[in-house]
Structures are given as C-alpha cells and as structure tokens.
Amino acid sequence: MQCFACGNDATQRCPRCGNVYCDEHGANLCAACLDPVSAAPSRGVYRVAIMGFLAGSVLALWLLVRPPGVPGESSPIVRDETTPTPALTPQGATPAPTPTLAPGETLAPTPTPGPSATEAPTAVPTEAPTEAPTEAPAGPVEYLVVPGDTWNGVADAFGVDAATLAAYNGRTLDDFLQIDEVILIPQ
C-alpha cells in the first residue's frame, strides 16, 4: 500500500478516516485529519448554530422589552362585567345574602311598616337627652387575606391609609400579601 499523500510505502492506517499513510504524514492520525480545516464544523452544523444563536438573541431581547409577570405584581385585569365583584368582609363577619332572581323578575321594594289608616297615631314620649357614655377605643380588626387582595384594596375597604395599614402590620407597600394571612386593621 502506498501513502495517500506521497506514494511511499504506508506504515499505518488512520483510525479516524481509514487512509493509509507513511511516518512522514502523520503520527496517531493522518495529516489530512490533523489539518485545522477538517476540524471546522460542516456548513449544516454551522448554520444551525448561527440560527440558534439568533433565536436566543431575539428571545432575550423580547424578555428585556416585556418581562414575564411576577406573582402579586399589579397588571391590568380584565373583569367579566356580568359577574359582580365580591365585597371585602372582615374575618368572622358573614356577608349579607344577595337575593337570587329568576330571569325577567325584578326586585320589588319592601313596604315599611307605618300606622294604618284606622289607627290614630300615638304620641311617643321623648326622653331628655343624656350625655352619651364614652366608649373605649375599639381595638384592631383582624382580616383574613383572600386571593386578589392588595394593601390599597384592603385599606380602601376599611377607610384607612394603605401605607399606615402596612406600617401597622410591620410591613411596607412593596411587601406582598399572602393568601390566608391575617393582618390587623387599625380603628
């Protein structure tokens, strides 16, 4: 057998490509396999790598322009106007039941009791005004946080300032409310 590069007698076979070569044209691999050009990737591999790099760059740019939402972060909420928004109620209080109406039915006003036409109105004795007893200041109200609550929403429902509410609970407005967390509402 002859060396693939010079025509001399071959002494070895390249384990990579199978070419036979002499001692002048290689040691463990033939000179063709040791050429730096043969180490470069093929056109297909190169193109796939470039396309992957471009796709990753576009994705990174998109994430910089429009980052993903963070839980608890305020974002525009689209509400279905057909369902009412539930009102906030303090922990332990029961909300007033809402009447359910059949389609086409309307809610009639309830009559207020008053003197009938046959009865004569009776005089109600009036008591002399007395000094109202001073009430002890009410303590804080405990409130159980439900999904969708924010510092501003809870503060508005109880008529207090949101920053004051957060500070009263040892927090700041940047801290997120956790579902089923109990917070204190100052009175």
N, C-alpha and C. Protein backbone atom coordinates (compact mmCIF):
# COMPACT_ATOMS: atom_id res chain seq x y z
N MET A 1 0.83 -1.18 0.00
CA MET A 1 0.00 0.00 0.00
C MET A 1 0.88 1.24 0.00
N GLN A 2 0.31 2.26 -0.58
CA GLN A 2 1.05 3.50 -0.70
C GLN A 2 0.39 4.58 0.14
N CYS A 3 1.27 5.50 0.60
CA CYS A 3 0.78 6.64 1.40
C CYS A 3 -0.14 7.49 0.53
N PHE A 4 -1.24 7.95 1.09
CA PHE A 4 -2.23 8.74 0.33
C PHE A 4 -1.65 10.09 -0.10
N ALA A 5 -0.61 10.59 0.61
CA ALA A 5 -0.09 11.92 0.32
C ALA A 5 1.13 11.89 -0.61
N CYS A 6 2.04 10.88 -0.49
CA CYS A 6 3.28 10.94 -1.25
C CYS A 6 3.55 9.72 -2.13
N GLY A 7 2.91 8.64 -1.95
CA GLY A 7 3.15 7.45 -2.77
C GLY A 7 4.18 6.52 -2.18
N ASN A 8 4.83 6.83 -1.04
CA ASN A 8 5.77 5.92 -0.37
C ASN A 8 4.98 4.78 0.26
N ASP A 9 5.73 3.78 0.74
CA ASP A 9 5.06 2.65 1.39
C ASP A 9 4.39 3.13 2.68
N ALA A 10 3.15 2.73 2.86
CA ALA A 10 2.38 3.12 4.04
C ALA A 10 2.73 2.22 5.20
N THR A 11 2.82 2.79 6.39
CA THR A 11 3.14 2.02 7.59
C THR A 11 1.97 1.97 8.59
N GLN A 12 1.03 2.88 8.45
CA GLN A 12 -0.08 2.93 9.42
C GLN A 12 -1.39 3.24 8.70
N ARG A 13 -2.50 2.96 9.39
CA ARG A 13 -3.82 3.31 8.89
C ARG A 13 -4.45 4.28 9.89
N CYS A 14 -5.05 5.36 9.38
CA CYS A 14 -5.67 6.39 10.24
C CYS A 14 -6.94 5.82 10.87
N PRO A 15 -7.04 5.85 12.20
CA PRO A 15 -8.24 5.31 12.85
C PRO A 15 -9.48 6.18 12.62
N ARG A 16 -9.28 7.41 12.20
CA ARG A 16 -10.42 8.32 12.02
C ARG A 16 -11.03 8.19 10.63
N CYS A 17 -10.18 8.30 9.58
CA CYS A 17 -10.72 8.30 8.22
C CYS A 17 -10.42 7.02 7.45
N GLY A 18 -9.48 6.22 7.93
CA GLY A 18 -9.17 4.97 7.25
C GLY A 18 -8.09 5.08 6.19
N ASN A 19 -7.52 6.27 5.95
CA ASN A 19 -6.45 6.44 4.98
C ASN A 19 -5.17 5.75 5.48
N VAL A 20 -4.39 5.23 4.55
CA VAL A 20 -3.07 4.68 4.91
C VAL A 20 -2.04 5.77 4.67
N TYR A 21 -1.01 5.81 5.53
CA TYR A 21 -0.02 6.88 5.41
C TYR A 21 1.33 6.39 5.91
N CYS A 22 2.37 7.15 5.52
CA CYS A 22 3.73 6.83 5.95
C CYS A 22 4.05 7.63 7.22
N ASP A 23 5.22 7.42 7.79
CA ASP A 23 5.61 8.10 9.02
C ASP A 23 5.77 9.60 8.83
N GLU A 24 6.03 10.07 7.61
CA GLU A 24 6.20 11.49 7.36
C GLU A 24 4.88 12.25 7.38
N HIS A 25 3.79 11.57 7.13
CA HIS A 25 2.49 12.25 7.01
C HIS A 25 1.53 11.92 8.15
N GLY A 26 2.07 11.78 9.34
CA GLY A 26 1.21 11.61 10.50
C GLY A 26 1.84 10.78 11.57
N ALA A 27 1.26 10.85 12.76
CA ALA A 27 1.73 10.03 13.88
C ALA A 27 0.58 9.12 14.29
N ASN A 28 -0.36 9.64 15.12
CA ASN A 28 -1.51 8.83 15.52
C ASN A 28 -2.65 8.96 14.50
N LEU A 29 -2.72 10.13 13.82
CA LEU A 29 -3.72 10.37 12.78
C LEU A 29 -2.99 10.81 11.53
N CYS A 30 -3.63 10.68 10.41
CA CYS A 30 -3.00 11.10 9.16
C CYS A 30 -2.97 12.62 9.08
N ALA A 31 -2.19 13.15 8.16
CA ALA A 31 -2.02 14.60 8.01
C ALA A 31 -3.34 15.27 7.61
N ALA A 32 -4.20 14.60 6.87
CA ALA A 32 -5.48 15.18 6.46
C ALA A 32 -6.40 15.37 7.66
N CYS A 33 -6.38 14.43 8.57
CA CYS A 33 -7.23 14.56 9.78
C CYS A 33 -6.66 15.57 10.75
N LEU A 34 -5.34 15.81 10.72
CA LEU A 34 -4.72 16.79 11.60
C LEU A 34 -4.81 18.21 11.05
N ASP A 35 -5.25 18.37 9.83
CA ASP A 35 -5.39 19.69 9.21
C ASP A 35 -6.48 20.48 9.95
N PRO A 36 -6.22 21.75 10.34
CA PRO A 36 -7.23 22.54 11.08
C PRO A 36 -8.53 22.74 10.31
N VAL A 37 -8.48 22.71 9.00
CA VAL A 37 -9.69 22.89 8.20
C VAL A 37 -10.65 21.73 8.44
N SER A 38 -10.12 20.53 8.65
CA SER A 38 -11.00 19.38 8.88
C SER A 38 -11.65 19.43 10.26
N ALA A 39 -11.14 20.26 11.16
CA ALA A 39 -11.73 20.39 12.49
C ALA A 39 -12.92 21.34 12.50
N ALA A 40 -13.08 22.16 11.48
CA ALA A 40 -14.20 23.10 11.42
C ALA A 40 -15.50 22.34 11.19
N PRO A 41 -16.59 22.82 11.72
CA PRO A 41 -17.87 22.12 11.51
C PRO A 41 -18.32 22.24 10.07
N SER A 42 -19.19 21.35 9.68
CA SER A 42 -19.72 21.39 8.32
C SER A 42 -20.67 22.58 8.17
N ARG A 43 -21.07 22.87 6.95
CA ARG A 43 -21.97 24.00 6.70
C ARG A 43 -23.29 23.84 7.45
N GLY A 44 -23.83 22.65 7.47
CA GLY A 44 -25.12 22.42 8.14
C GLY A 44 -25.03 22.69 9.64
N VAL A 45 -23.97 22.17 10.27
CA VAL A 45 -23.79 22.38 11.71
C VAL A 45 -23.58 23.87 11.99
N TYR A 46 -22.81 24.53 11.16
CA TYR A 46 -22.54 25.96 11.34
C TYR A 46 -23.83 26.77 11.20
N ARG A 47 -24.65 26.48 10.21
CA ARG A 47 -25.88 27.22 10.01
C ARG A 47 -26.87 27.00 11.16
N VAL A 48 -26.97 25.78 11.63
CA VAL A 48 -27.87 25.50 12.77
C VAL A 48 -27.40 26.26 14.01
N ALA A 49 -26.09 26.29 14.23
CA ALA A 49 -25.56 27.01 15.39
C ALA A 49 -25.84 28.51 15.28
N ILE A 50 -25.68 29.10 14.12
CA ILE A 50 -25.96 30.53 13.93
C ILE A 50 -27.44 30.82 14.12
N MET A 51 -28.32 29.97 13.57
CA MET A 51 -29.76 30.18 13.72
C MET A 51 -30.17 30.07 15.20
N GLY A 52 -29.59 29.13 15.93
CA GLY A 52 -29.88 29.00 17.36
C GLY A 52 -29.43 30.23 18.13
N PHE A 53 -28.27 30.76 17.78
CA PHE A 53 -27.77 31.98 18.43
C PHE A 53 -28.70 33.15 18.15
N LEU A 54 -29.15 33.31 16.90
CA LEU A 54 -30.07 34.40 16.57
C LEU A 54 -31.40 34.25 17.28
N ALA A 55 -31.94 33.04 17.35
CA ALA A 55 -33.22 32.82 18.04
C ALA A 55 -33.07 33.13 19.53
N GLY A 56 -31.96 32.73 20.14
CA GLY A 56 -31.73 33.05 21.55
C GLY A 56 -31.60 34.54 21.78
N SER A 57 -30.97 35.24 20.85
CA SER A 57 -30.83 36.70 20.97
C SER A 57 -32.18 37.39 20.88
N VAL A 58 -33.02 36.95 19.96
CA VAL A 58 -34.36 37.54 19.82
C VAL A 58 -35.18 37.28 21.08
N LEU A 59 -35.12 36.07 21.62
CA LEU A 59 -35.85 35.75 22.85
C LEU A 59 -35.36 36.60 24.02
N ALA A 60 -34.06 36.76 24.16
CA ALA A 60 -33.51 37.58 25.24
C ALA A 60 -33.94 39.03 25.10
N LEU A 61 -33.94 39.56 23.89
CA LEU A 61 -34.38 40.93 23.65
C LEU A 61 -35.86 41.09 23.98
N TRP A 62 -36.68 40.11 23.59
CA TRP A 62 -38.11 40.17 23.90
C TRP A 62 -38.35 40.15 25.41
N LEU A 63 -37.60 39.34 26.14
CA LEU A 63 -37.76 39.28 27.59
C LEU A 63 -37.33 40.59 28.25
N LEU A 64 -36.35 41.29 27.66
CA LEU A 64 -35.94 42.57 28.21
C LEU A 64 -37.00 43.64 27.97
N VAL A 65 -37.65 43.58 26.81
CA VAL A 65 -38.67 44.57 26.48
C VAL A 65 -39.95 44.29 27.25
N ARG A 66 -40.35 43.03 27.36
CA ARG A 66 -41.59 42.65 28.04
C ARG A 66 -41.28 41.49 28.96
N PRO A 67 -40.86 41.77 30.23
CA PRO A 67 -40.51 40.69 31.13
C PRO A 67 -41.74 39.91 31.56
N PRO A 68 -41.55 38.65 31.98
CA PRO A 68 -42.70 37.86 32.42
C PRO A 68 -43.28 38.43 33.70
N GLY A 69 -44.56 38.18 33.95
CA GLY A 69 -45.24 38.67 35.15
C GLY A 69 -44.74 37.98 36.40
N VAL A 70 -44.74 38.70 37.49
CA VAL A 70 -44.34 38.18 38.79
C VAL A 70 -45.60 38.02 39.62
N PRO A 71 -45.77 36.93 40.37
CA PRO A 71 -46.97 36.78 41.19
C PRO A 71 -47.13 37.96 42.14
N GLY A 72 -48.33 38.51 42.19
CA GLY A 72 -48.61 39.64 43.05
C GLY A 72 -48.35 40.98 42.41
N GLU A 73 -47.71 40.97 41.26
CA GLU A 73 -47.41 42.23 40.59
C GLU A 73 -48.70 42.77 39.99
N SER A 74 -48.90 44.08 40.10
CA SER A 74 -50.13 44.63 39.55
C SER A 74 -50.04 44.63 38.04
N SER A 75 -51.09 44.18 37.42
CA SER A 75 -51.19 44.14 35.98
C SER A 75 -52.63 44.43 35.62
N PRO A 76 -52.85 44.88 34.39
CA PRO A 76 -54.23 45.16 34.03
C PRO A 76 -55.07 43.89 34.11
N ILE A 77 -56.18 43.97 34.82
CA ILE A 77 -57.05 42.83 34.99
C ILE A 77 -58.32 43.09 34.18
N VAL A 78 -58.66 42.16 33.34
CA VAL A 78 -59.88 42.27 32.57
C VAL A 78 -60.96 41.53 33.34
N ARG A 79 -61.99 42.24 33.72
CA ARG A 79 -63.05 41.63 34.51
C ARG A 79 -64.27 41.38 33.64
N ASP A 80 -64.95 40.30 33.95
CA ASP A 80 -66.21 39.99 33.30
C ASP A 80 -67.28 40.81 34.01
N GLU A 81 -67.89 41.74 33.29
CA GLU A 81 -68.86 42.65 33.90
C GLU A 81 -70.16 41.96 34.27
N THR A 82 -70.38 40.73 33.84
CA THR A 82 -71.63 40.05 34.16
C THR A 82 -71.62 39.47 35.56
N THR A 83 -70.43 39.26 36.13
CA THR A 83 -70.38 38.72 37.49
C THR A 83 -69.93 39.82 38.43
N PRO A 84 -70.62 40.00 39.56
CA PRO A 84 -70.25 41.07 40.48
C PRO A 84 -68.96 40.74 41.20
N THR A 85 -68.23 41.78 41.56
CA THR A 85 -67.01 41.64 42.32
C THR A 85 -67.37 41.45 43.78
N PRO A 86 -66.84 40.42 44.47
CA PRO A 86 -67.20 40.21 45.87
C PRO A 86 -66.65 41.34 46.74
N ALA A 87 -67.44 41.73 47.74
CA ALA A 87 -67.03 42.79 48.66
C ALA A 87 -66.13 42.21 49.74
N LEU A 88 -65.25 43.02 50.27
CA LEU A 88 -64.37 42.59 51.35
C LEU A 88 -65.16 42.57 52.65
N THR A 89 -65.02 41.51 53.41
CA THR A 89 -65.67 41.44 54.72
C THR A 89 -64.63 41.07 55.75
N PRO A 90 -64.70 41.68 56.94
CA PRO A 90 -63.74 41.34 57.98
C PRO A 90 -63.86 39.86 58.37
N GLN A 91 -62.78 39.31 58.93
CA GLN A 91 -62.77 37.91 59.34
C GLN A 91 -63.82 37.71 60.43
N GLY A 92 -64.58 36.66 60.31
CA GLY A 92 -65.59 36.33 61.31
C GLY A 92 -66.95 36.92 60.97
N ALA A 93 -67.00 37.93 60.11
CA ALA A 93 -68.28 38.52 59.75
C ALA A 93 -68.87 37.72 58.59
N THR A 94 -70.20 37.64 58.55
CA THR A 94 -70.84 36.94 57.45
C THR A 94 -71.43 37.97 56.50
N PRO A 95 -71.21 37.82 55.22
CA PRO A 95 -71.76 38.79 54.27
C PRO A 95 -73.27 38.64 54.19
N ALA A 96 -73.94 39.75 53.88
CA ALA A 96 -75.39 39.73 53.74
C ALA A 96 -75.75 38.92 52.51
N PRO A 97 -76.79 38.07 52.61
CA PRO A 97 -77.15 37.25 51.45
C PRO A 97 -77.72 38.13 50.35
N THR A 98 -77.39 37.79 49.13
CA THR A 98 -77.93 38.53 47.99
C THR A 98 -79.09 37.73 47.43
N PRO A 99 -80.20 38.41 47.14
CA PRO A 99 -81.36 37.67 46.62
C PRO A 99 -81.09 37.19 45.20
N THR A 100 -81.62 36.02 44.89
CA THR A 100 -81.49 35.49 43.54
C THR A 100 -82.82 35.67 42.84
N LEU A 101 -82.76 36.13 41.62
CA LEU A 101 -83.97 36.41 40.85
C LEU A 101 -84.02 35.51 39.63
N ALA A 102 -85.22 35.12 39.28
CA ALA A 102 -85.42 34.35 38.06
C ALA A 102 -85.31 35.31 36.87
N PRO A 103 -85.00 34.81 35.69
CA PRO A 103 -84.92 35.68 34.52
C PRO A 103 -86.23 36.44 34.31
N GLY A 104 -86.14 37.74 34.13
CA GLY A 104 -87.31 38.58 33.89
C GLY A 104 -87.96 39.09 35.17
N GLU A 105 -87.53 38.60 36.33
CA GLU A 105 -88.13 39.00 37.60
C GLU A 105 -87.39 40.23 38.12
N THR A 106 -88.10 41.15 38.74
CA THR A 106 -87.49 42.34 39.32
C THR A 106 -87.70 42.34 40.82
N LEU A 107 -86.84 43.04 41.51
CA LEU A 107 -86.92 43.10 42.96
C LEU A 107 -87.85 44.23 43.34
N ALA A 108 -88.93 43.88 44.07
CA ALA A 108 -89.92 44.88 44.50
C ALA A 108 -89.48 45.48 45.82
N PRO A 109 -89.71 46.79 46.03
CA PRO A 109 -89.33 47.39 47.30
C PRO A 109 -90.18 46.83 48.42
N THR A 110 -89.57 46.68 49.58
CA THR A 110 -90.31 46.16 50.74
C THR A 110 -91.03 47.31 51.41
N PRO A 111 -92.31 47.09 51.77
CA PRO A 111 -93.06 48.17 52.42
C PRO A 111 -92.54 48.41 53.83
N THR A 112 -92.53 49.66 54.21
CA THR A 112 -92.11 50.00 55.57
C THR A 112 -93.35 50.05 56.45
N PRO A 113 -93.28 49.45 57.62
CA PRO A 113 -94.46 49.47 58.49
C PRO A 113 -94.74 50.89 58.99
N GLY A 114 -95.96 51.25 59.01
CA GLY A 114 -96.37 52.57 59.47
C GLY A 114 -97.76 52.47 60.07
N PRO A 115 -98.29 53.56 60.56
CA PRO A 115 -99.62 53.49 61.14
C PRO A 115 -100.65 53.24 60.05
N SER A 116 -101.61 52.38 60.35
CA SER A 116 -102.67 52.10 59.38
C SER A 116 -103.65 53.26 59.37
N ALA A 117 -104.53 53.28 58.39
CA ALA A 117 -105.49 54.38 58.24
C ALA A 117 -106.51 54.38 59.37
N THR A 118 -106.76 53.23 59.99
CA THR A 118 -107.78 53.17 61.04
C THR A 118 -107.22 53.50 62.40
N GLU A 119 -105.92 53.39 62.56
CA GLU A 119 -105.34 53.65 63.87
C GLU A 119 -104.96 55.12 63.97
N ALA A 120 -105.13 55.64 65.16
CA ALA A 120 -104.72 57.01 65.40
C ALA A 120 -103.26 57.00 65.81
N PRO A 121 -102.51 57.96 65.31
CA PRO A 121 -101.12 58.00 65.71
C PRO A 121 -101.01 58.28 67.21
N THR A 122 -100.09 57.62 67.84
CA THR A 122 -99.88 57.81 69.26
C THR A 122 -98.62 58.63 69.48
N ALA A 123 -98.66 59.41 70.52
CA ALA A 123 -97.51 60.25 70.84
C ALA A 123 -96.45 59.38 71.50
N VAL A 124 -95.26 59.58 71.10
CA VAL A 124 -94.14 58.84 71.67
C VAL A 124 -93.45 59.78 72.63
N PRO A 125 -93.35 59.38 73.88
CA PRO A 125 -92.68 60.27 74.83
C PRO A 125 -91.19 60.37 74.49
N THR A 126 -90.69 61.55 74.56
CA THR A 126 -89.27 61.76 74.29
C THR A 126 -88.54 61.90 75.61
N GLU A 127 -87.40 61.34 75.65
CA GLU A 127 -86.59 61.44 76.85
C GLU A 127 -85.65 62.62 76.72
N ALA A 128 -85.29 63.15 77.84
CA ALA A 128 -84.34 64.25 77.84
C ALA A 128 -82.99 63.71 77.39
N PRO A 129 -82.32 64.47 76.54
CA PRO A 129 -81.02 63.97 76.09
C PRO A 129 -80.07 63.83 77.26
N THR A 130 -79.41 62.72 77.28
CA THR A 130 -78.42 62.48 78.32
C THR A 130 -77.06 62.43 77.67
N GLU A 131 -76.06 62.60 78.46
CA GLU A 131 -74.69 62.57 77.94
C GLU A 131 -74.35 61.15 77.52
N ALA A 132 -73.90 60.98 76.31
CA ALA A 132 -73.57 59.65 75.81
C ALA A 132 -72.34 59.12 76.54
N PRO A 133 -72.40 57.85 76.92
CA PRO A 133 -71.24 57.29 77.61
C PRO A 133 -70.06 57.22 76.64
N THR A 134 -68.90 57.47 77.16
CA THR A 134 -67.70 57.40 76.31
C THR A 134 -67.33 55.94 76.13
N GLU A 135 -67.16 55.58 74.87
CA GLU A 135 -66.81 54.20 74.57
C GLU A 135 -65.30 54.05 74.57
N ALA A 136 -64.86 52.89 74.98
CA ALA A 136 -63.43 52.60 74.94
C ALA A 136 -63.02 52.50 73.48
N PRO A 137 -61.85 52.99 73.12
CA PRO A 137 -61.44 52.90 71.73
C PRO A 137 -61.42 51.44 71.26
N ALA A 138 -61.96 51.23 70.09
CA ALA A 138 -62.01 49.87 69.55
C ALA A 138 -60.60 49.41 69.20
N GLY A 139 -60.33 48.14 69.42
CA GLY A 139 -59.03 47.57 69.09
C GLY A 139 -58.96 47.28 67.60
N PRO A 140 -57.84 46.75 67.16
CA PRO A 140 -57.70 46.47 65.73
C PRO A 140 -58.61 45.32 65.32
N VAL A 141 -59.00 45.35 64.06
CA VAL A 141 -59.82 44.30 63.48
C VAL A 141 -58.90 43.33 62.76
N GLU A 142 -59.14 42.03 62.94
CA GLU A 142 -58.35 41.03 62.23
C GLU A 142 -59.02 40.78 60.89
N TYR A 143 -58.20 40.72 59.84
CA TYR A 143 -58.73 40.49 58.50
C TYR A 143 -57.95 39.35 57.86
N LEU A 144 -58.67 38.40 57.26
CA LEU A 144 -58.06 37.27 56.57
C LEU A 144 -57.91 37.61 55.10
N VAL A 145 -56.69 37.57 54.59
CA VAL A 145 -56.39 37.94 53.21
C VAL A 145 -56.93 36.85 52.27
N VAL A 146 -57.63 37.29 51.22
CA VAL A 146 -58.18 36.38 50.22
C VAL A 146 -57.48 36.66 48.89
N PRO A 147 -57.57 35.75 47.92
CA PRO A 147 -56.92 35.98 46.62
C PRO A 147 -57.38 37.30 45.99
N GLY A 148 -56.44 38.06 45.48
CA GLY A 148 -56.73 39.32 44.82
C GLY A 148 -56.60 40.53 45.72
N ASP A 149 -56.41 40.33 47.03
CA ASP A 149 -56.28 41.46 47.95
C ASP A 149 -54.94 42.16 47.76
N THR A 150 -54.97 43.49 47.89
CA THR A 150 -53.76 44.30 47.88
C THR A 150 -53.83 45.23 49.08
N TRP A 151 -52.70 45.85 49.41
CA TRP A 151 -52.70 46.80 50.52
C TRP A 151 -53.70 47.92 50.26
N ASN A 152 -53.71 48.44 49.05
CA ASN A 152 -54.62 49.53 48.72
C ASN A 152 -56.07 49.10 48.77
N GLY A 153 -56.39 47.91 48.27
CA GLY A 153 -57.77 47.43 48.26
C GLY A 153 -58.32 47.23 49.65
N VAL A 154 -57.52 46.61 50.54
CA VAL A 154 -57.97 46.38 51.91
C VAL A 154 -58.08 47.71 52.65
N ALA A 155 -57.11 48.60 52.44
CA ALA A 155 -57.14 49.90 53.11
C ALA A 155 -58.36 50.70 52.68
N ASP A 156 -58.69 50.69 51.41
CA ASP A 156 -59.88 51.40 50.93
C ASP A 156 -61.15 50.81 51.52
N ALA A 157 -61.21 49.49 51.64
CA ALA A 157 -62.42 48.84 52.17
C ALA A 157 -62.67 49.21 53.63
N PHE A 158 -61.61 49.47 54.39
CA PHE A 158 -61.76 49.79 55.80
C PHE A 158 -61.57 51.28 56.09
N GLY A 159 -61.32 52.07 55.06
CA GLY A 159 -61.21 53.51 55.24
C GLY A 159 -59.95 53.96 55.95
N VAL A 160 -58.84 53.28 55.70
CA VAL A 160 -57.56 53.68 56.28
C VAL A 160 -56.56 53.90 55.15
N ASP A 161 -55.45 54.54 55.47
CA ASP A 161 -54.39 54.78 54.50
C ASP A 161 -53.59 53.49 54.30
N ALA A 162 -53.25 53.18 53.04
CA ALA A 162 -52.55 51.93 52.73
C ALA A 162 -51.17 51.88 53.39
N ALA A 163 -50.43 52.98 53.37
CA ALA A 163 -49.10 52.99 53.99
C ALA A 163 -49.21 52.81 55.50
N THR A 164 -50.24 53.41 56.11
CA THR A 164 -50.46 53.25 57.54
C THR A 164 -50.80 51.80 57.86
N LEU A 165 -51.65 51.19 57.02
CA LEU A 165 -52.03 49.80 57.23
C LEU A 165 -50.81 48.88 57.16
N ALA A 166 -49.97 49.09 56.15
CA ALA A 166 -48.77 48.25 56.01
C ALA A 166 -47.83 48.46 57.20
N ALA A 167 -47.63 49.72 57.61
CA ALA A 167 -46.74 50.01 58.74
C ALA A 167 -47.30 49.43 60.03
N TYR A 168 -48.61 49.45 60.21
CA TYR A 168 -49.26 48.91 61.41
C TYR A 168 -48.98 47.41 61.53
N ASN A 169 -48.80 46.75 60.38
CA ASN A 169 -48.52 45.31 60.37
C ASN A 169 -47.02 45.03 60.23
N GLY A 170 -46.19 46.08 60.38
CA GLY A 170 -44.74 45.89 60.33
C GLY A 170 -44.22 45.59 58.93
N ARG A 171 -44.89 46.08 57.91
CA ARG A 171 -44.53 45.80 56.53
C ARG A 171 -44.47 47.09 55.74
N THR A 172 -44.14 47.00 54.46
CA THR A 172 -44.16 48.15 53.56
C THR A 172 -45.10 47.82 52.40
N LEU A 173 -45.41 48.82 51.60
CA LEU A 173 -46.30 48.60 50.46
C LEU A 173 -45.64 47.71 49.40
N ASP A 174 -44.32 47.55 49.45
CA ASP A 174 -43.63 46.70 48.50
C ASP A 174 -43.76 45.22 48.85
N ASP A 175 -44.14 44.91 50.11
CA ASP A 175 -44.31 43.52 50.53
C ASP A 175 -45.64 42.99 50.00
N PHE A 176 -45.65 41.74 49.58
CA PHE A 176 -46.86 41.13 49.05
C PHE A 176 -47.69 40.54 50.18
N LEU A 177 -49.00 40.61 50.03
CA LEU A 177 -49.91 39.96 50.97
C LEU A 177 -50.01 38.49 50.58
N GLN A 178 -49.99 37.61 51.57
CA GLN A 178 -50.09 36.18 51.31
C GLN A 178 -51.53 35.73 51.57
N ILE A 179 -52.05 34.84 50.74
CA ILE A 179 -53.40 34.31 50.91
C ILE A 179 -53.48 33.60 52.25
N ASP A 180 -54.60 33.76 52.96
CA ASP A 180 -54.88 33.19 54.28
C ASP A 180 -54.02 33.81 55.38
N GLU A 181 -53.36 34.92 55.10
CA GLU A 181 -52.59 35.65 56.12
C GLU A 181 -53.57 36.54 56.88
N VAL A 182 -53.38 36.67 58.18
CA VAL A 182 -54.22 37.55 58.98
C VAL A 182 -53.47 38.86 59.22
N ILE A 183 -54.10 39.98 58.82
CA ILE A 183 -53.50 41.29 59.06
C ILE A 183 -54.40 42.07 59.98
N LEU A 184 -53.83 43.02 60.68
CA LEU A 184 -54.58 43.84 61.64
C LEU A 184 -54.95 45.16 60.99
N ILE A 185 -56.20 45.57 61.16
CA ILE A 185 -56.70 46.83 60.62
C ILE A 185 -56.87 47.79 61.78
N PRO A 186 -56.14 48.92 61.79
CA PRO A 186 -56.30 49.88 62.90
C PRO A 186 -57.66 50.55 62.82
N GLN A 187 -58.25 50.83 64.00
CA GLN A 187 -59.56 51.51 64.05
C GLN A 187 -59.41 52.89 64.61
